[in-house]
Amino acid sequence: MKKLGLIIWVIILMACDKQIPYDESSFKPKLVVNAFNQPDSLLKIKLDESLKVLGNPSIQKLNSSIKIQLLKDSTKIIDGTYWVDEGEVVLPHKVEAGSIYHLITELNNYPLIEASDRVPIDNVSINIDTITEGSVYYKLDITVKDPQTDNFYVLDISTSGKELSGMDSINNTYQIIFSSVDKIFSSSIQTISDGSKLALFDDNLFNGSNKKIGIRILKENLLIPRFKPYTFTVKLKSVSKSMYDYYTTIIQNNNIYGGPLYFEGQIEGNINGGLGGFYFYNQYSDTIPFVF
């Protein structure tokens, strides 16, 4: 009787199995743009080609001429042909904080792509106040000085120290997992208790004031073989709202299927006609010795 029930259950599962058709012939490659830049630096744009689901990435990088227009606050400042060298092109312009940049590119037979983003104003600061040791965690108390304008943040933490490589001792840095009891970080259900290597938050709860945040780092997360940490560094990126939304969508897209934060869809960034992102950010950091 048990065997009969098992056979019936297998038949039901097979009947529920859906075959999703995949039309490979309709695939048309698009340009993939990765342009994440800071103010006062030359504008760097990395370009690649999108792959079909069953495709294999090419070892060969893009090497081609490309037509580029760049507008700053609706004024055209670049209009010409440039060379993409090993998948990267550098434009002779240093972006300025507070300005809106609009990018238009044309390359071979790819669709024309357009993207816009505002450069965040450089008016934020971060400080590590103290580091303390508990039985399970190391705790970092940090302070973010937030301006009156609306701001969006991405935070990560790394540790630097000495690592044995054979008979030699070399300098090395690792990004580490952390968590916080402060309820301001955007996080997936999978990482709320275990921590994350990246935290997103906005300033809705503390706009225009100093915000103190308690960071917890599990001691076991620092048990890296042959590595001795000497410092902790906290990096805070002040990003545009569109870049913040892009990262938030990535978190939701990688959430548990059926969960309250789950998002189903293709993540295209802010590139119209292509894929990827054209974004700007300011970065701030502070470092404290690890003396335990």
Protein backbone atom coordinates (compact mmCIF):
# COMPACT_ATOMS: atom_id res chain seq x y z
CA MET A 1 0.00 0.00 0.00
CA LYS A 2 2.87 2.34 0.84
CA LYS A 3 4.50 1.61 -2.55
CA LEU A 4 1.24 2.40 -4.34
CA GLY A 5 0.95 5.71 -2.51
CA LEU A 6 4.54 6.59 -3.45
CA ILE A 7 3.89 5.83 -7.12
CA ILE A 8 0.78 8.03 -7.11
CA TRP A 9 2.74 10.88 -5.46
CA VAL A 10 5.49 10.66 -8.11
CA ILE A 11 2.87 10.76 -10.88
CA ILE A 12 1.29 13.89 -9.34
CA LEU A 13 4.68 15.63 -9.17
CA MET A 14 5.43 14.75 -12.79
CA ALA A 15 2.04 16.09 -13.85
CA CYS A 16 2.80 19.42 -12.13
CA ASP A 17 6.16 19.80 -13.90
CA LYS A 18 6.06 22.65 -16.43
CA GLN A 19 8.28 22.93 -19.47
CA ILE A 20 9.24 26.56 -20.08
CA PRO A 21 10.08 27.16 -23.76
CA TYR A 22 13.31 29.02 -24.50
CA ASP A 23 13.73 30.64 -27.90
CA GLU A 24 17.49 31.10 -28.33
CA SER A 25 17.17 32.42 -31.89
CA SER A 26 15.41 35.63 -30.73
CA PHE A 27 18.33 36.69 -28.52
CA LYS A 28 19.95 40.00 -29.48
CA PRO A 29 23.09 41.02 -27.56
CA LYS A 30 23.16 44.37 -25.77
CA LEU A 31 25.92 46.51 -24.38
CA VAL A 32 26.63 46.03 -20.68
CA VAL A 33 27.89 49.24 -19.03
CA ASN A 34 29.73 49.38 -15.71
CA ALA A 35 30.49 53.00 -14.85
CA PHE A 36 30.75 53.72 -11.12
CA ASN A 37 32.69 56.95 -10.66
CA GLN A 38 33.65 59.45 -7.97
CA PRO A 39 33.87 63.25 -8.30
CA ASP A 40 37.18 64.84 -9.32
CA SER A 41 38.23 61.76 -11.28
CA LEU A 42 38.23 61.09 -15.01
CA LEU A 43 35.05 59.39 -16.20
CA LYS A 44 35.78 55.67 -16.80
CA ILE A 45 33.31 53.45 -18.61
CA LYS A 46 33.66 49.67 -18.90
CA LEU A 47 31.80 47.95 -21.71
CA ASP A 48 30.96 44.32 -22.42
CA GLU A 49 28.43 42.27 -24.35
CA SER A 50 25.42 40.55 -22.80
CA LEU A 51 25.22 36.76 -23.02
CA LYS A 52 22.33 34.48 -23.83
CA VAL A 53 21.25 32.08 -21.09
CA LEU A 54 23.29 29.16 -22.42
CA GLY A 55 26.17 31.28 -23.74
CA ASN A 56 29.80 31.24 -22.68
CA PRO A 57 31.64 34.48 -21.88
CA SER A 58 34.30 35.51 -24.38
CA ILE A 59 37.88 35.89 -23.23
CA GLN A 60 38.35 38.67 -25.77
CA LYS A 61 37.50 42.14 -24.47
CA LEU A 62 35.83 44.78 -26.61
CA ASN A 63 38.26 46.76 -28.79
CA SER A 64 36.37 49.14 -31.03
CA SER A 65 35.58 52.75 -31.78
CA ILE A 66 32.51 54.19 -30.08
CA LYS A 67 30.51 57.38 -30.50
CA ILE A 68 29.90 59.15 -27.19
CA GLN A 69 27.90 62.19 -26.18
CA LEU A 70 28.08 63.49 -22.61
CA LEU A 71 25.82 66.22 -21.26
CA LYS A 72 26.40 68.04 -17.98
CA ASP A 73 23.26 69.74 -16.62
CA SER A 74 21.72 69.62 -20.15
CA THR A 75 24.84 71.20 -21.76
CA LYS A 76 26.75 69.01 -24.22
CA ILE A 77 30.42 68.84 -23.18
CA ILE A 78 31.60 65.79 -25.18
CA ASP A 79 30.59 64.72 -28.67
CA GLY A 80 33.06 62.54 -30.52
CA THR A 81 34.48 59.12 -31.33
CA TYR A 82 36.65 57.30 -28.80
CA TRP A 83 38.47 53.98 -28.70
CA VAL A 84 37.37 51.19 -26.37
CA ASP A 85 40.63 49.57 -25.22
CA GLU A 86 40.22 46.12 -23.67
CA GLY A 87 36.64 46.90 -22.69
CA GLU A 88 37.31 50.35 -21.20
CA VAL A 89 37.14 53.93 -22.39
CA VAL A 90 38.28 56.97 -20.38
CA LEU A 91 36.70 60.34 -21.13
CA PRO A 92 38.72 63.57 -20.69
CA HIS A 93 36.39 65.07 -18.10
CA LYS A 94 36.38 65.15 -14.30
CA VAL A 95 32.84 64.93 -12.98
CA GLU A 96 31.67 67.57 -10.52
CA ALA A 97 29.62 67.07 -7.36
CA GLY A 98 25.98 68.13 -7.61
CA SER A 99 25.81 67.95 -11.42
CA ILE A 100 23.59 65.68 -13.51
CA TYR A 101 25.34 63.78 -16.31
CA HIS A 102 23.60 62.23 -19.30
CA LEU A 103 25.45 59.62 -21.38
CA ILE A 104 24.60 58.55 -24.96
CA THR A 105 26.68 55.90 -26.76
CA GLU A 106 26.58 54.22 -30.18
CA LEU A 107 28.69 51.14 -30.89
CA ASN A 108 28.55 49.03 -34.08
CA ASN A 109 25.25 47.15 -34.37
CA TYR A 110 24.26 47.39 -30.72
CA PRO A 111 21.18 49.40 -29.73
CA LEU A 112 21.86 53.03 -28.77
CA ILE A 113 22.08 53.38 -25.00
CA GLU A 114 21.31 56.32 -22.71
CA ALA A 115 21.72 56.85 -18.96
CA SER A 116 21.59 59.69 -16.44
CA ASP A 117 22.67 60.16 -12.84
CA ARG A 118 23.37 62.94 -10.36
CA VAL A 119 26.75 63.19 -8.62
CA PRO A 120 26.25 63.32 -4.81
CA ILE A 121 27.52 66.42 -3.01
CA ASP A 122 30.60 65.85 -0.84
CA ASN A 123 29.25 66.80 2.61
CA VAL A 124 29.22 63.62 4.71
CA SER A 125 31.71 62.25 7.27
CA ILE A 126 32.17 59.02 9.23
CA ASN A 127 34.14 58.28 12.40
CA ILE A 128 34.89 55.10 14.33
CA ASP A 129 34.42 56.10 17.96
CA THR A 130 35.41 52.93 19.83
CA ILE A 131 36.12 49.23 19.44
CA THR A 132 35.32 46.83 22.28
CA GLU A 133 35.54 43.08 22.79
CA GLY A 134 32.75 40.82 24.03
CA SER A 135 32.53 37.08 24.51
CA VAL A 136 31.19 36.46 20.99
CA TYR A 137 31.50 39.75 19.11
CA TYR A 138 33.83 42.67 18.55
CA LYS A 139 31.77 45.85 18.55
CA LEU A 140 32.48 49.01 16.57
CA ASP A 141 30.65 52.20 17.48
CA ILE A 142 30.58 54.56 14.51
CA THR A 143 29.10 58.00 13.91
CA VAL A 144 27.76 59.24 10.58
CA LYS A 145 27.52 63.02 10.22
CA ASP A 146 24.51 63.46 7.96
CA PRO A 147 23.72 66.73 6.08
CA GLN A 148 20.27 68.30 5.76
CA THR A 149 19.73 66.98 2.23
CA ASP A 150 18.31 63.50 1.61
CA ASN A 151 21.13 60.98 1.48
CA PHE A 152 21.51 57.29 0.62
CA TYR A 153 24.34 55.12 1.88
CA VAL A 154 26.23 51.89 1.25
CA LEU A 155 28.51 50.66 4.06
CA ASP A 156 31.14 47.92 4.20
CA ILE A 157 33.94 46.92 6.59
CA SER A 158 37.35 45.40 5.93
CA THR A 159 40.27 44.24 8.02
CA SER A 160 43.94 44.58 7.06
CA GLY A 161 46.91 42.73 8.46
CA LYS A 162 49.75 40.30 7.82
CA GLU A 163 49.31 36.92 6.15
CA LEU A 164 51.85 34.12 5.83
CA SER A 165 52.39 33.06 2.23
CA GLY A 166 54.88 30.23 2.22
CA MET A 167 57.84 31.55 4.18
CA ASP A 168 56.96 35.20 3.53
CA SER A 169 54.68 37.60 5.38
CA ILE A 170 52.56 39.80 3.10
CA ASN A 171 50.02 42.60 3.64
CA ASN A 172 46.46 41.55 2.89
CA THR A 173 42.91 42.90 3.28
CA TYR A 174 39.62 41.04 3.66
CA GLN A 175 36.09 42.34 3.47
CA ILE A 176 34.25 40.97 6.51
CA ILE A 177 30.70 40.04 7.48
CA PHE A 178 29.01 42.25 10.08
CA SER A 179 25.60 42.89 11.61
CA SER A 180 23.91 45.52 13.74
CA VAL A 181 21.16 45.74 16.35
CA ASP A 182 20.18 49.13 14.88
CA LYS A 183 17.13 48.72 12.66
CA ILE A 184 18.26 50.95 9.82
CA PHE A 185 19.96 48.56 7.40
CA SER A 186 18.16 47.12 4.39
CA SER A 187 18.85 43.39 4.42
CA SER A 188 17.48 40.19 3.00
CA ILE A 189 15.76 37.69 5.28
CA GLN A 190 18.70 35.36 4.73
CA THR A 191 21.22 37.80 6.23
CA ILE A 192 19.34 39.60 9.00
CA SER A 193 20.70 37.31 11.73
CA ASP A 194 23.90 36.11 10.11
CA GLY A 195 25.21 39.46 8.90
CA SER A 196 26.28 40.78 5.53
CA LYS A 197 29.30 42.20 3.73
CA LEU A 198 27.25 45.16 2.53
CA ALA A 199 24.65 47.35 4.24
CA LEU A 200 22.23 49.83 2.65
CA PHE A 201 20.38 52.57 4.49
CA ASP A 202 18.92 56.03 4.00
CA ASP A 203 18.72 58.99 6.41
CA ASN A 204 14.94 59.13 6.87
CA LEU A 205 15.28 58.50 10.61
CA PHE A 206 18.13 60.95 11.30
CA ASN A 207 18.17 63.51 8.50
CA GLY A 208 20.50 66.41 9.23
CA SER A 209 21.95 65.02 12.47
CA ASN A 210 24.67 62.70 13.73
CA LYS A 211 23.70 59.02 13.77
CA LYS A 212 25.51 56.56 16.02
CA ILE A 213 25.51 52.96 14.77
CA GLY A 214 26.66 49.86 16.63
CA ILE A 215 28.39 47.31 14.40
CA ARG A 216 28.92 43.70 15.52
CA ILE A 217 31.58 41.40 14.06
CA LEU A 218 31.58 37.73 15.05
CA LYS A 219 34.97 36.69 16.38
CA GLU A 220 34.84 33.53 14.31
CA ASN A 221 34.61 35.64 11.12
CA LEU A 222 38.16 36.85 11.80
CA LEU A 223 39.60 33.35 12.12
CA ILE A 224 41.28 33.42 8.71
CA PRO A 225 44.09 30.83 8.41
CA ARG A 226 47.62 32.31 8.58
CA PHE A 227 46.21 35.85 8.86
CA LYS A 228 46.59 38.31 11.75
CA PRO A 229 44.40 41.46 11.62
CA TYR A 230 45.90 44.81 12.60
CA THR A 231 43.22 47.34 11.64
CA PHE A 232 39.50 47.71 10.88
CA THR A 233 38.37 50.13 8.15
CA VAL A 234 34.78 51.28 7.74
CA LYS A 235 33.90 52.61 4.27
CA LEU A 236 30.77 54.67 3.70
CA LYS A 237 29.60 55.53 0.20
CA SER A 238 27.13 58.37 -0.30
CA VAL A 239 25.28 57.34 -3.48
CA SER A 240 22.62 58.77 -5.75
CA LYS A 241 19.03 57.63 -5.22
CA SER A 242 19.06 55.70 -8.50
CA MET A 243 22.18 53.78 -7.41
CA TYR A 244 20.57 53.06 -4.02
CA ASP A 245 17.44 51.74 -5.76
CA TYR A 246 19.64 49.58 -8.01
CA TYR A 247 21.34 47.92 -5.02
CA THR A 248 18.00 47.53 -3.23
CA THR A 249 16.55 45.73 -6.25
CA ILE A 250 19.55 43.37 -6.29
CA ILE A 251 18.91 42.48 -2.63
CA GLN A 252 15.23 41.86 -3.31
CA ASN A 253 15.98 39.82 -6.43
CA ASN A 254 18.24 37.52 -4.39
CA ASN A 255 15.74 37.10 -1.57
CA ILE A 256 13.89 33.93 -0.66
CA TYR A 257 11.30 32.99 -3.31
CA GLY A 258 7.88 33.91 -1.98
CA GLY A 259 9.28 36.08 0.82
CA PRO A 260 7.92 39.59 1.51
CA LEU A 261 10.97 41.24 -0.09
CA TYR A 262 11.11 38.97 -3.14
CA PHE A 263 11.29 40.70 -6.50
CA GLU A 264 11.02 38.80 -9.77
CA GLY A 265 12.38 40.54 -12.80
CA GLN A 266 15.44 41.43 -14.78
CA ILE A 267 17.82 43.91 -13.16
CA GLU A 268 18.76 46.39 -15.88
CA GLY A 269 20.08 49.30 -13.83
CA ASN A 270 19.57 52.77 -15.28
CA ILE A 271 20.77 51.95 -18.81
CA ASN A 272 18.09 52.49 -21.45
CA GLY A 273 18.72 50.22 -24.43
CA GLY A 274 21.36 48.19 -22.60
CA LEU A 275 22.28 46.68 -19.25
CA GLY A 276 24.36 47.71 -16.25
CA GLY A 277 24.79 50.99 -14.43
CA PHE A 278 25.98 54.58 -14.90
CA TYR A 279 26.28 55.86 -11.32
CA PHE A 280 28.23 58.26 -9.10
CA TYR A 281 29.22 58.15 -5.44
CA ASN A 282 31.37 59.80 -2.77
CA GLN A 283 33.40 57.57 -0.46
CA TYR A 284 34.43 58.23 3.14
CA SER A 285 36.41 55.97 5.47
CA ASP A 286 37.92 55.72 8.92
CA THR A 287 40.39 53.19 10.34
CA ILE A 288 41.01 51.99 13.90
CA PRO A 289 43.79 49.71 15.22
CA PHE A 290 42.88 46.15 16.19
CA VAL A 291 44.70 45.80 19.53
CA PHE A 292 43.19 42.64 21.06
